C-alpha atoms as a PDB file:
ATOM      1  CA  MET A   1    -167.626 -71.955  95.355  1.00  0.00           C
ATOM      2  CA  PRO A   2    -164.896 -74.199  93.799  1.00  0.00           C
ATOM      3  CA  GLN A   3    -166.123 -77.121  91.662  1.00  0.00           C
ATOM      4  CA  GLN A   4    -165.314 -80.606  92.904  1.00  0.00           C
ATOM      5  CA  SER A   5    -165.976 -84.093  91.710  1.00  0.00           C
ATOM      6  CA  THR A   6    -169.117 -85.387  93.373  1.00  0.00           C
ATOM      7  CA  GLU A   7    -168.890 -89.108  94.178  1.00  0.00           C
ATOM      8  CA  ILE A   8    -171.958 -91.327  93.884  1.00  0.00           C
ATOM      9  CA  LEU A   9    -171.788 -93.907  96.652  1.00  0.00           C
ATOM     10  CA  ALA A  10    -173.838 -97.092  96.751  1.00  0.00           C
ATOM     11  CA  ALA A  11    -175.785 -97.871  99.912  1.00  0.00           C
ATOM     12  CA  THR A  12    -173.372-100.632 100.898  1.00  0.00           C
ATOM     13  CA  ALA A  13    -171.115-101.012 103.910  1.00  0.00           C
ATOM     14  CA  GLY A  14    -168.219 -99.594 101.886  1.00  0.00           C
ATOM     15  CA  GLY A  15    -170.262 -96.678 100.545  1.00  0.00           C
ATOM     16  CA  ILE A  16    -171.574 -95.834 104.027  1.00  0.00           C
ATOM     17  CA  ALA A  17    -168.041 -95.979 105.467  1.00  0.00           C
ATOM     18  CA  ARG A  18    -166.778 -93.680 102.729  1.00  0.00           C
ATOM     19  CA  ALA A  19    -169.630 -91.195 103.385  1.00  0.00           C
ATOM     20  CA  ALA A  20    -168.867 -91.156 107.107  1.00  0.00           C
ATOM     21  CA  GLN A  21    -165.190 -90.540 106.450  1.00  0.00           C
ATOM     22  CA  LEU A  22    -165.997 -87.623 104.188  1.00  0.00           C
ATOM     23  CA  LEU A  23    -168.201 -86.122 106.911  1.00  0.00           C
ATOM     24  CA  ARG A  24    -165.312 -86.486 109.385  1.00  0.00           C
ATOM     25  CA  GLU A  25    -163.081 -84.610 106.980  1.00  0.00           C
ATOM     26  CA  GLY A  26    -165.510 -81.655 106.979  1.00  0.00           C
ATOM     27  CA  ARG A  27    -166.988 -82.436 103.538  1.00  0.00           C
ATOM     28  CA  LEU A  28    -170.662 -82.388 102.502  1.00  0.00           C
ATOM     29  CA  VAL A  29    -172.544 -85.591 101.864  1.00  0.00           C
ATOM     30  CA  SER A  30    -176.141 -85.959 100.666  1.00  0.00           C
ATOM     31  CA  PHE A  31    -177.969 -88.952 102.206  1.00  0.00           C
ATOM     32  CA  PRO A  32    -181.503 -90.309 102.196  1.00  0.00           C
ATOM     33  CA  THR A  33    -184.023 -89.807 105.004  1.00  0.00           C
ATOM     34  CA  GLU A  34    -187.615 -91.084 105.052  1.00  0.00           C
ATOM     35  CA  THR A  35    -188.889 -87.885 103.444  1.00  0.00           C
ATOM     36  CA  VAL A  36    -186.194 -86.333 101.197  1.00  0.00           C
ATOM     37  CA  TYR A  37    -182.411 -86.434 100.628  1.00  0.00           C
ATOM     38  CA  GLY A  38    -180.584 -84.290 103.186  1.00  0.00           C
ATOM     39  CA  LEU A  39    -177.417 -82.294 102.680  1.00  0.00           C
ATOM     40  CA  GLY A  40    -175.253 -83.365 105.625  1.00  0.00           C
ATOM     41  CA  ALA A  41    -172.264 -81.862 107.423  1.00  0.00           C
ATOM     42  CA  ASP A  42    -170.709 -82.776 110.761  1.00  0.00           C
ATOM     43  CA  ALA A  43    -172.617 -80.474 113.110  1.00  0.00           C
ATOM     44  CA  ARG A  44    -169.527 -80.009 115.272  1.00  0.00           C
ATOM     45  CA  GLN A  45    -167.491 -78.478 112.450  1.00  0.00           C
ATOM     46  CA  GLY A  46    -168.422 -74.841 111.855  1.00  0.00           C
ATOM     47  CA  GLU A  47    -166.747 -74.475 108.443  1.00  0.00           C
ATOM     48  CA  ALA A  48    -168.416 -77.647 107.206  1.00  0.00           C
ATOM     49  CA  VAL A  49    -171.806 -76.297 108.297  1.00  0.00           C
ATOM     50  CA  ALA A  50    -171.016 -72.980 106.590  1.00  0.00           C
ATOM     51  CA  ALA A  51    -170.404 -74.962 103.384  1.00  0.00           C
ATOM     52  CA  ILE A  52    -174.077 -76.141 103.473  1.00  0.00           C
ATOM     53  CA  TYR A  53    -175.259 -72.583 103.101  1.00  0.00           C
ATOM     54  CA  GLU A  54    -172.700 -71.918 100.387  1.00  0.00           C
ATOM     55  CA  ALA A  55    -173.653 -75.039  98.396  1.00  0.00           C
ATOM     56  CA  LYS A  56    -177.378 -74.373  98.698  1.00  0.00           C
ATOM     57  CA  GLY A  57    -177.138 -70.641  98.083  1.00  0.00           C
ATOM     58  CA  ARG A  58    -179.239 -70.388 101.278  1.00  0.00           C
ATOM     59  CA  PRO A  59    -179.894 -66.665 101.800  1.00  0.00           C
ATOM     60  CA  SER A  60    -179.553 -66.518 105.573  1.00  0.00           C
ATOM     61  CA  PHE A  61    -178.426 -68.508 108.606  1.00  0.00           C
ATOM     62  CA  ASN A  62    -181.519 -70.268 109.896  1.00  0.00           C
ATOM     63  CA  PRO A  63    -181.286 -72.962 112.596  1.00  0.00           C
ATOM     64  CA  LEU A  64    -180.606 -76.423 111.186  1.00  0.00           C
ATOM     65  CA  ILE A  65    -181.779 -79.757 112.502  1.00  0.00           C
ATOM     66  CA  ALA A  66    -179.120 -82.102 113.870  1.00  0.00           C
ATOM     67  CA  HIS A  67    -179.691 -85.780 112.965  1.00  0.00           C
ATOM     68  CA  VAL A  68    -178.486 -88.569 115.305  1.00  0.00           C
ATOM     69  CA  HIS A  69    -178.953 -92.314 115.357  1.00  0.00           C
ATOM     70  CA  SER A  70    -180.792 -92.693 118.687  1.00  0.00           C
ATOM     71  CA  ALA A  71    -182.243 -90.990 121.723  1.00  0.00           C
ATOM     72  CA  GLU A  72    -179.148 -92.086 123.625  1.00  0.00           C
ATOM     73  CA  ALA A  73    -177.042 -90.114 121.143  1.00  0.00           C
ATOM     74  CA  ALA A  74    -179.350 -87.058 121.382  1.00  0.00           C
ATOM     75  CA  ARG A  75    -178.810 -86.891 125.104  1.00  0.00           C
ATOM     76  CA  ARG A  76    -175.130 -86.147 124.500  1.00  0.00           C
ATOM     77  CA  TYR A  77    -176.042 -82.767 123.061  1.00  0.00           C
ATOM     78  CA  VAL A  78    -179.237 -81.556 124.722  1.00  0.00           C
ATOM     79  CA  GLN A  79    -180.731 -81.382 128.226  1.00  0.00           C
ATOM     80  CA  TRP A  80    -183.124 -84.318 128.216  1.00  0.00           C
ATOM     81  CA  ASN A  81    -186.440 -84.353 130.153  1.00  0.00           C
ATOM     82  CA  ASP A  82    -189.403 -86.667 130.802  1.00  0.00           C
ATOM     83  CA  VAL A  83    -191.484 -85.291 127.895  1.00  0.00           C
ATOM     84  CA  ALA A  84    -188.623 -85.769 125.488  1.00  0.00           C
ATOM     85  CA  GLU A  85    -188.269 -89.377 126.716  1.00  0.00           C
ATOM     86  CA  GLN A  86    -192.002 -89.953 126.235  1.00  0.00           C
ATOM     87  CA  LEU A  87    -192.056 -88.558 122.721  1.00  0.00           C
ATOM     88  CA  ALA A  88    -188.831 -90.262 121.637  1.00  0.00           C
ATOM     89  CA  ALA A  89    -190.138 -93.620 122.855  1.00  0.00           C
ATOM     90  CA  ALA A  90    -193.333 -93.172 120.868  1.00  0.00           C
ATOM     91  CA  PHE A  91    -192.105 -91.593 117.611  1.00  0.00           C
ATOM     92  CA  TRP A  92    -188.317 -92.080 117.104  1.00  0.00           C
ATOM     93  CA  PRO A  93    -187.050 -93.063 114.614  1.00  0.00           C
ATOM     94  CA  GLY A  94    -189.458 -90.870 112.596  1.00  0.00           C
ATOM     95  CA  PRO A  95    -190.397 -87.397 111.354  1.00  0.00           C
ATOM     96  CA  LEU A  96    -190.345 -85.682 114.758  1.00  0.00           C
ATOM     97  CA  THR A  97    -187.822 -83.008 115.774  1.00  0.00           C
ATOM     98  CA  LEU A  98    -187.455 -81.960 119.397  1.00  0.00           C
ATOM     99  CA  VAL A  99    -186.071 -78.539 120.339  1.00  0.00           C
ATOM    100  CA  LEU A 100    -184.294 -78.702 123.695  1.00  0.00           C
ATOM    101  CA  PRO A 101    -181.706 -76.628 125.582  1.00  0.00           C
ATOM    102  CA  LEU A 102    -178.115 -77.385 124.695  1.00  0.00           C
ATOM    103  CA  ARG A 103    -176.208 -79.204 127.403  1.00  0.00           C
ATOM    104  CA  GLU A 104    -172.825 -78.029 128.683  1.00  0.00           C
ATOM    105  CA  GLY A 105    -169.929 -79.207 126.549  1.00  0.00           C
ATOM    106  CA  HIS A 106    -172.221 -80.099 123.629  1.00  0.00           C
ATOM    107  CA  GLY A 107    -169.658 -79.223 120.928  1.00  0.00           C
ATOM    108  CA  ILE A 108    -172.307 -78.231 118.368  1.00  0.00           C
ATOM    109  CA  SER A 109    -171.337 -75.339 116.046  1.00  0.00           C
ATOM    110  CA  PRO A 110    -173.221 -72.104 116.804  1.00  0.00           C
ATOM    111  CA  LEU A 111    -173.955 -71.949 113.033  1.00  0.00           C
ATOM    112  CA  VAL A 112    -176.250 -75.002 113.478  1.00  0.00           C
ATOM    113  CA  THR A 113    -178.341 -73.205 116.131  1.00  0.00           C
ATOM    114  CA  ALA A 114    -178.061 -69.745 114.542  1.00  0.00           C
ATOM    115  CA  GLY A 115    -176.620 -68.572 117.854  1.00  0.00           C
ATOM    116  CA  LEU A 116    -179.519 -69.817 119.986  1.00  0.00           C
ATOM    117  CA  ASP A 117    -179.051 -71.853 123.176  1.00  0.00           C
ATOM    118  CA  THR A 118    -181.410 -74.594 121.900  1.00  0.00           C
ATOM    119  CA  LEU A 119    -180.979 -77.377 119.329  1.00  0.00           C
ATOM    120  CA  GLY A 120    -183.498 -79.082 117.098  1.00  0.00           C
ATOM    121  CA  ILE A 121    -182.651 -82.751 116.984  1.00  0.00           C
ATOM    122  CA  ARG A 122    -184.229 -85.886 115.429  1.00  0.00           C
ATOM    123  CA  VAL A 123    -183.632 -89.551 114.689  1.00  0.00           C
ATOM    124  CA  PRO A 124    -184.506 -90.328 111.048  1.00  0.00           C
ATOM    125  CA  ALA A 125    -186.118 -93.658 110.125  1.00  0.00           C
ATOM    126  CA  HIS A 126    -184.469 -94.393 106.804  1.00  0.00           C
ATOM    127  CA  PRO A 127    -182.191 -97.456 107.240  1.00  0.00           C
ATOM    128  CA  THR A 128    -179.336 -96.034 105.121  1.00  0.00           C
ATOM    129  CA  GLY A 129    -179.513 -92.676 106.901  1.00  0.00           C
ATOM    130  CA  GLN A 130    -179.471 -94.609 110.220  1.00  0.00           C
ATOM    131  CA  ALA A 131    -176.490 -96.679 109.130  1.00  0.00           C
ATOM    132  CA  LEU A 132    -174.562 -93.542 108.175  1.00  0.00           C
ATOM    133  CA  LEU A 133    -175.288 -91.866 111.501  1.00  0.00           C
ATOM    134  CA  ARG A 134    -174.230 -94.975 113.399  1.00  0.00           C
ATOM    135  CA  GLU A 135    -171.017 -95.250 111.316  1.00  0.00           C
ATOM    136  CA  LEU A 136    -170.206 -91.634 112.079  1.00  0.00           C
ATOM    137  CA  ASP A 137    -171.503 -91.757 115.661  1.00  0.00           C
ATOM    138  CA  GLY A 138    -171.960 -88.022 115.677  1.00  0.00           C
ATOM    139  CA  PRO A 139    -174.518 -85.322 114.883  1.00  0.00           C
ATOM    140  CA  VAL A 140    -175.168 -84.356 111.245  1.00  0.00           C
ATOM    141  CA  ALA A 141    -176.768 -81.008 110.328  1.00  0.00           C
ATOM    142  CA  ALA A 142    -178.855 -81.598 107.244  1.00  0.00           C
ATOM    143  CA  PRO A 143    -181.342 -79.415 105.455  1.00  0.00           C
ATOM    144  CA  SER A 144    -182.796 -80.717 102.146  1.00  0.00           C
ATOM    145  CA  ALA A 145    -180.188 -81.326  99.442  1.00  0.00           C
ATOM    146  CA  ASN A 146    -181.312 -78.813  96.856  1.00  0.00           C
ATOM    147  CA  PRO A 147    -180.421 -75.254  95.859  1.00  0.00           C
ATOM    148  CA  SER A 148    -182.354 -72.841  98.060  1.00  0.00           C
ATOM    149  CA  GLY A 149    -185.863 -72.193  96.749  1.00  0.00           C
ATOM    150  CA  LYS A 150    -185.896 -75.261  94.481  1.00  0.00           C
ATOM    151  CA  ILE A 151    -188.006 -78.411  94.847  1.00  0.00           C
ATOM    152  CA  SER A 152    -186.848 -80.797  97.569  1.00  0.00           C
ATOM    153  CA  PRO A 153    -185.016 -83.899  96.159  1.00  0.00           C
ATOM    154  CA  THR A 154    -186.430 -87.390  96.541  1.00  0.00           C
ATOM    155  CA  THR A 155    -183.841 -89.198  94.387  1.00  0.00           C
ATOM    156  CA  ALA A 156    -180.088 -89.010  93.965  1.00  0.00           C
ATOM    157  CA  ALA A 157    -180.656 -87.795  90.447  1.00  0.00           C
ATOM    158  CA  HIS A 158    -182.528 -84.760  91.860  1.00  0.00           C
ATOM    159  CA  VAL A 159    -179.508 -84.016  94.065  1.00  0.00           C
ATOM    160  CA  ILE A 160    -177.074 -84.358  91.140  1.00  0.00           C
ATOM    161  CA  ALA A 161    -179.191 -81.988  89.051  1.00  0.00           C
ATOM    162  CA  GLY A 162    -178.965 -79.285  91.696  1.00  0.00           C
ATOM    163  CA  LEU A 163    -175.656 -79.777  93.473  1.00  0.00           C
ATOM    164  CA  ASP A 164    -173.281 -81.759  91.235  1.00  0.00           C
ATOM    165  CA  GLY A 165    -169.822 -80.352  91.641  1.00  0.00           C
ATOM    166  CA  ARG A 166    -170.785 -78.438  94.799  1.00  0.00           C
ATOM    167  CA  ILE A 167    -170.701 -81.343  97.330  1.00  0.00           C
ATOM    168  CA  ALA A 168    -168.346 -84.244  97.980  1.00  0.00           C
ATOM    169  CA  ALA A 169    -170.705 -87.207  97.638  1.00  0.00           C
ATOM    170  CA  ILE A 170    -174.233 -88.581  97.356  1.00  0.00           C
ATOM    171  CA  LEU A 171    -175.182 -91.752  99.189  1.00  0.00           C
ATOM    172  CA  ASP A 172    -177.655 -93.237  96.691  1.00  0.00           C
ATOM    173  CA  ASP A 173    -180.402 -95.561  97.975  1.00  0.00           C
ATOM    174  CA  GLY A 174    -183.078 -95.004  95.383  1.00  0.00           C
ATOM    175  CA  ALA A 175    -186.233 -92.937  95.826  1.00  0.00           C
ATOM    176  CA  CYS A 176    -187.327 -91.669  99.243  1.00  0.00           C
ATOM    177  CA  GLY A 177    -190.860 -92.185 100.512  1.00  0.00           C
ATOM    178  CA  VAL A 178    -192.093 -88.682  99.724  1.00  0.00           C
ATOM    179  CA  GLY A 179    -193.562 -86.965 102.753  1.00  0.00           C
ATOM    180  CA  LEU A 180    -193.763 -83.714 104.648  1.00  0.00           C
ATOM    181  CA  GLU A 181    -190.872 -82.266 106.634  1.00  0.00           C
ATOM    182  CA  SER A 182    -190.662 -83.303 110.289  1.00  0.00           C
ATOM    183  CA  THR A 183    -192.998 -81.932 112.892  1.00  0.00           C
ATOM    184  CA  ILE A 184    -191.069 -79.689 115.317  1.00  0.00           C
ATOM    185  CA  ILE A 185    -191.957 -79.643 119.014  1.00  0.00           C
ATOM    186  CA  GLY A 186    -190.433 -77.135 121.435  1.00  0.00           C
ATOM    187  CA  LEU A 187    -189.507 -78.485 124.829  1.00  0.00           C
ATOM    188  CA  ALA A 188    -187.199 -75.658 126.018  1.00  0.00           C
ATOM    189  CA  GLY A 189    -189.840 -73.924 128.162  1.00  0.00           C
ATOM    190  CA  SER A 190    -192.565 -74.844 130.548  1.00  0.00           C
ATOM    191  CA  GLU A 191    -195.049 -75.627 127.733  1.00  0.00           C
ATOM    192  CA  VAL A 192    -194.950 -78.275 124.988  1.00  0.00           C
ATOM    193  CA  MET A 193    -195.162 -76.105 121.926  1.00  0.00           C
ATOM    194  CA  LEU A 194    -195.891 -76.919 118.276  1.00  0.00           C
ATOM    195  CA  LEU A 195    -193.177 -74.955 116.411  1.00  0.00           C
ATOM    196  CA  ARG A 196    -193.810 -76.382 112.949  1.00  0.00           C
ATOM    197  CA  PRO A 197    -196.475 -78.781 111.699  1.00  0.00           C
ATOM    198  CA  GLY A 198    -195.129 -81.622 109.608  1.00  0.00           C
ATOM    199  CA  GLY A 199    -195.261 -85.328 108.832  1.00  0.00           C
ATOM    200  CA  LEU A 200    -196.382 -86.360 112.309  1.00  0.00           C
ATOM    201  CA  ALA A 201    -199.907 -85.190 113.137  1.00  0.00           C
ATOM    202  CA  ALA A 202    -200.249 -83.006 116.215  1.00  0.00           C
ATOM    203  CA  GLU A 203    -203.215 -85.143 117.318  1.00  0.00           C
ATOM    204  CA  GLU A 204    -200.982 -88.182 117.566  1.00  0.00           C
ATOM    205  CA  ILE A 205    -198.565 -86.302 119.759  1.00  0.00           C
ATOM    206  CA  GLU A 206    -201.419 -85.001 121.936  1.00  0.00           C
ATOM    207  CA  THR A 207    -202.736 -88.547 122.329  1.00  0.00           C
ATOM    208  CA  VAL A 208    -199.401 -89.767 123.659  1.00  0.00           C
ATOM    209  CA  LEU A 209    -198.981 -86.764 125.988  1.00  0.00           C
ATOM    210  CA  GLY A 210    -202.564 -86.654 127.117  1.00  0.00           C
ATOM    211  CA  ARG A 211    -202.744 -82.842 126.669  1.00  0.00           C
ATOM    212  CA  LYS A 212    -203.026 -80.170 124.009  1.00  0.00           C
ATOM    213  CA  LEU A 213    -199.985 -78.624 122.351  1.00  0.00           C
ATOM    214  CA  VAL A 214    -199.474 -74.903 122.694  1.00  0.00           C
ATOM    215  CA  GLN A 215    -199.466 -73.075 119.406  1.00  0.00           C
ATOM    216  CA  ARG A 216    -196.480 -70.873 118.705  1.00  0.00           C
ATOM    217  CA  ASP A 217    -197.163 -67.132 118.376  1.00  0.00           C
ATOM    218  CA  VAL A 218    -195.800 -65.752 115.102  1.00  0.00           C
ATOM    219  CA  HIS A 219    -194.188 -62.939 117.135  1.00  0.00           C
ATOM    220  CA  ASP A 220    -192.195 -65.346 119.282  1.00  0.00           C
ATOM    221  CA  PRO A 221    -188.417 -65.475 118.644  1.00  0.00           C
ATOM    222  CA  LEU A 222    -186.992 -67.926 116.087  1.00  0.00           C
ATOM    223  CA  THR A 223    -186.361 -71.252 117.685  1.00  0.00           C
ATOM    224  CA  ALA A 224    -186.388 -73.760 114.835  1.00  0.00           C
ATOM    225  CA  PRO A 225    -186.210 -74.181 111.056  1.00  0.00           C
ATOM    226  CA  GLY A 226    -189.240 -73.185 108.995  1.00  0.00           C
ATOM    227  CA  GLN A 227    -190.165 -70.100 111.055  1.00  0.00           C
ATOM    228  CA  LEU A 228    -189.939 -66.393 110.397  1.00  0.00           C
ATOM    229  CA  LEU A 229    -186.487 -64.935 110.873  1.00  0.00           C
ATOM    230  CA  SER A 230    -185.616 -63.134 114.106  1.00  0.00           C
ATOM    231  CA  HIS A 231    -182.499 -61.078 114.595  1.00  0.00           C
ATOM    232  CA  TYR A 232    -179.808 -62.006 117.069  1.00  0.00           C
ATOM    233  CA  ALA A 233    -179.810 -59.079 119.436  1.00  0.00           C
ATOM    234  CA  PRO A 234    -176.726 -58.435 121.580  1.00  0.00           C
ATOM    235  CA  GLY A 235    -177.335 -56.383 124.689  1.00  0.00           C
ATOM    236  CA  ALA A 236    -175.182 -53.508 123.519  1.00  0.00           C
ATOM    237  CA  PRO A 237    -175.362 -51.449 120.319  1.00  0.00           C
ATOM    238  CA  VAL A 238    -173.772 -52.853 117.199  1.00  0.00           C
ATOM    239  CA  ARG A 239    -172.158 -50.594 114.537  1.00  0.00           C
ATOM    240  CA  LEU A 240    -171.474 -52.022 111.093  1.00  0.00           C
ATOM    241  CA  ASN A 241    -168.906 -51.330 108.367  1.00  0.00           C
ATOM    242  CA  ALA A 242    -166.473 -49.764 110.854  1.00  0.00           C
ATOM    243  CA  GLU A 243    -162.935 -49.178 109.706  1.00  0.00           C
ATOM    244  CA  ALA A 244    -161.829 -48.912 113.343  1.00  0.00           C
ATOM    245  CA  PRO A 245    -163.422 -48.990 116.798  1.00  0.00           C
ATOM    246  CA  GLY A 246    -164.672 -45.831 118.415  1.00  0.00           C
ATOM    247  CA  GLU A 247    -163.996 -44.926 122.029  1.00  0.00           C
ATOM    248  CA  GLY A 248    -165.292 -47.624 124.335  1.00  0.00           C
ATOM    249  CA  GLU A 249    -166.178 -50.062 121.510  1.00  0.00           C
ATOM    250  CA  LEU A 250    -165.018 -53.596 121.023  1.00  0.00           C
ATOM    251  CA  PHE A 251    -163.914 -54.381 117.437  1.00  0.00           C
ATOM    252  CA  LEU A 252    -165.009 -57.484 115.523  1.00  0.00           C
ATOM    253  CA  GLY A 253    -162.578 -57.739 112.624  1.00  0.00           C
ATOM    254  CA  PHE A 254    -162.462 -59.305 109.196  1.00  0.00           C
ATOM    255  CA  GLY A 255    -159.183 -59.675 107.328  1.00  0.00           C
ATOM    256  CA  PRO A 256    -155.744 -58.400 108.480  1.00  0.00           C
ATOM    257  CA  VAL A 257    -156.815 -55.806 111.037  1.00  0.00           C
ATOM    258  CA  GLU A 258    -156.108 -55.180 114.681  1.00  0.00           C
ATOM    259  CA  CYS A 259    -159.207 -56.145 116.625  1.00  0.00           C
ATOM    260  CA  ASP A 260    -160.587 -57.871 119.747  1.00  0.00           C
ATOM    261  CA  LEU A 261    -161.769 -60.887 117.842  1.00  0.00           C
ATOM    262  CA  ASN A 262    -161.432 -61.677 114.088  1.00  0.00           C
ATOM    263  CA  LEU A 263    -164.017 -63.474 112.012  1.00  0.00           C
ATOM    264  CA  SER A 264    -161.215 -64.516 109.646  1.00  0.00           C
ATOM    265  CA  GLU A 265    -157.756 -63.005 109.503  1.00  0.00           C
ATOM    266  CA  SER A 266    -157.289 -64.459 105.972  1.00  0.00           C
ATOM    267  CA  GLY A 267    -160.629 -63.074 104.747  1.00  0.00           C
ATOM    268  CA  ASP A 268    -162.136 -66.563 104.312  1.00  0.00           C
ATOM    269  CA  LEU A 269    -165.945 -66.205 104.296  1.00  0.00           C
ATOM    270  CA  ALA A 270    -166.570 -69.830 105.311  1.00  0.00           C
ATOM    271  CA  GLU A 271    -164.358 -69.337 108.380  1.00  0.00           C
ATOM    272  CA  ALA A 272    -166.113 -66.022 109.118  1.00  0.00           C
ATOM    273  CA  ALA A 273    -169.520 -67.694 108.928  1.00  0.00           C
ATOM    274  CA  ALA A 274    -168.413 -70.438 111.265  1.00  0.00           C
ATOM    275  CA  ASN A 275    -167.140 -67.908 113.804  1.00  0.00           C
ATOM    276  CA  LEU A 276    -169.939 -65.316 113.543  1.00  0.00           C
ATOM    277  CA  PHE A 277    -172.360 -66.301 116.327  1.00  0.00           C
ATOM    278  CA  GLY A 278    -169.649 -67.532 118.762  1.00  0.00           C
ATOM    279  CA  HIS A 279    -167.671 -64.292 118.400  1.00  0.00           C
ATOM    280  CA  LEU A 280    -170.788 -62.088 118.847  1.00  0.00           C
ATOM    281  CA  HIS A 281    -171.684 -63.979 122.034  1.00  0.00           C
ATOM    282  CA  ARG A 282    -168.149 -63.604 123.437  1.00  0.00           C
ATOM    283  CA  LEU A 283    -168.041 -59.863 122.755  1.00  0.00           C
ATOM    284  CA  ASP A 284    -171.579 -59.386 124.012  1.00  0.00           C
ATOM    285  CA  ALA A 285    -170.610 -60.931 127.329  1.00  0.00           C
ATOM    286  CA  LEU A 286    -168.142 -58.069 127.889  1.00  0.00           C
ATOM    287  CA  GLY A 287    -171.007 -55.563 127.972  1.00  0.00           C
ATOM    288  CA  LYS A 288    -169.597 -52.928 125.618  1.00  0.00           C
ATOM    289  CA  PRO A 289    -170.759 -51.603 122.208  1.00  0.00           C
ATOM    290  CA  ILE A 290    -169.514 -53.650 119.263  1.00  0.00           C
ATOM    291  CA  ALA A 291    -168.058 -52.225 116.058  1.00  0.00           C
ATOM    292  CA  VAL A 292    -167.884 -54.637 113.089  1.00  0.00           C
ATOM    293  CA  ALA A 293    -165.479 -54.372 110.166  1.00  0.00           C
ATOM    294  CA  PRO A 294    -166.907 -54.492 106.614  1.00  0.00           C
ATOM    295  CA  VAL A 295    -167.589 -57.941 105.235  1.00  0.00           C
ATOM    296  CA  PRO A 296    -167.882 -58.412 101.432  1.00  0.00           C
ATOM    297  CA  GLU A 297    -171.421 -58.771 100.059  1.00  0.00           C
ATOM    298  CA  HIS A 298    -170.829 -61.855  97.963  1.00  0.00           C
ATOM    299  CA  GLY A 299    -171.146 -65.583  98.506  1.00  0.00           C
ATOM    300  CA  LEU A 300    -171.474 -66.355 102.238  1.00  0.00           C
ATOM    301  CA  GLY A 301    -170.855 -62.653 102.902  1.00  0.00           C
ATOM    302  CA  GLU A 302    -174.485 -61.969 101.963  1.00  0.00           C
ATOM    303  CA  ALA A 303    -175.785 -64.229 104.720  1.00  0.00           C
ATOM    304  CA  ILE A 304    -173.201 -62.922 107.237  1.00  0.00           C
ATOM    305  CA  ASN A 305    -174.257 -59.343 106.553  1.00  0.00           C
ATOM    306  CA  ASP A 306    -177.937 -60.328 106.789  1.00  0.00           C
ATOM    307  CA  ARG A 307    -177.398 -61.550 110.333  1.00  0.00           C
ATOM    308  CA  LEU A 308    -175.203 -58.572 111.232  1.00  0.00           C
ATOM    309  CA  HIS A 309    -177.861 -56.122 110.070  1.00  0.00           C
ATOM    310  CA  ARG A 310    -180.418 -57.974 112.234  1.00  0.00           C
ATOM    311  CA  ALA A 311    -178.012 -57.716 115.181  1.00  0.00           C
ATOM    312  CA  ALA A 312    -177.583 -54.012 114.582  1.00  0.00           C
ATOM    313  CA  ALA A 313    -181.275 -53.238 114.049  1.00  0.00           C
ATOM    314  CA  PRO A 314    -182.824 -50.621 116.400  1.00  0.00           C
ATOM    315  CA  ARG A 315    -184.408 -52.131 119.534  1.00  0.00           C
ATOM    316  CA  ASP A 316    -188.088 -51.580 120.189  1.00  0.00           C
END
């Protein structure tokens, strides 16, 4: 990806305002949470979210957690329920992520949810992270601010070492209180499910709820970060590396080709990544086989092709 000058912003009103403005512009900003520094993008902007994967060298499109400043803000994007209210009152702000169904008109990029109809959302406790989220007043998708596979960063210096020149800015507020990733609780079904253990003990959650959490089966579909990958499976067959559609097929294009929907007419991989899940869903709704044009196997193209291969995998 192109090199850029990474700004180091102080945790002042001016620095926080600058960080929020960069997020609005679709740029990447690293900011502190109570555990590690996150790599943030406006979760409503697909190309900005795609840039997270590009900056990190993240090998595949996994669901990301959306960070907001309050439970009130969370209710703008997900279908709230009594259990969510109970857990939010007890543990937010803090290292707890709730996975809930998306609400109508949510505006979240499908790249954040990896094409799922649920969203992992949390309210971080770090005061500077909180101030940034309030200044933006919008959802920020933010995995840890390090190259994929490297040690999670707990200082701005760690972020600079891994991502200098690849992101717009780092909001520096010293060292984070080092801790585990957030605990993820699934509330999209009839059960309250532990999707990923983390910095909030399951026993504490069970005490508040007055019942045991259901353990996720490793064979269950992917619903949150930190789980095994699961392919996105359209209802109809998917054929890859197609130069043209066959009879009865819909054509998902890339580059200057005639097609039903185009991932990116200009061949921009960030635009293609941002469009991938939404376009697959739209074509799948038409109930016909889908042919997909070749996508280059470099940069974000590697992750795009990974998800396409999962979509095209034979059904059991």
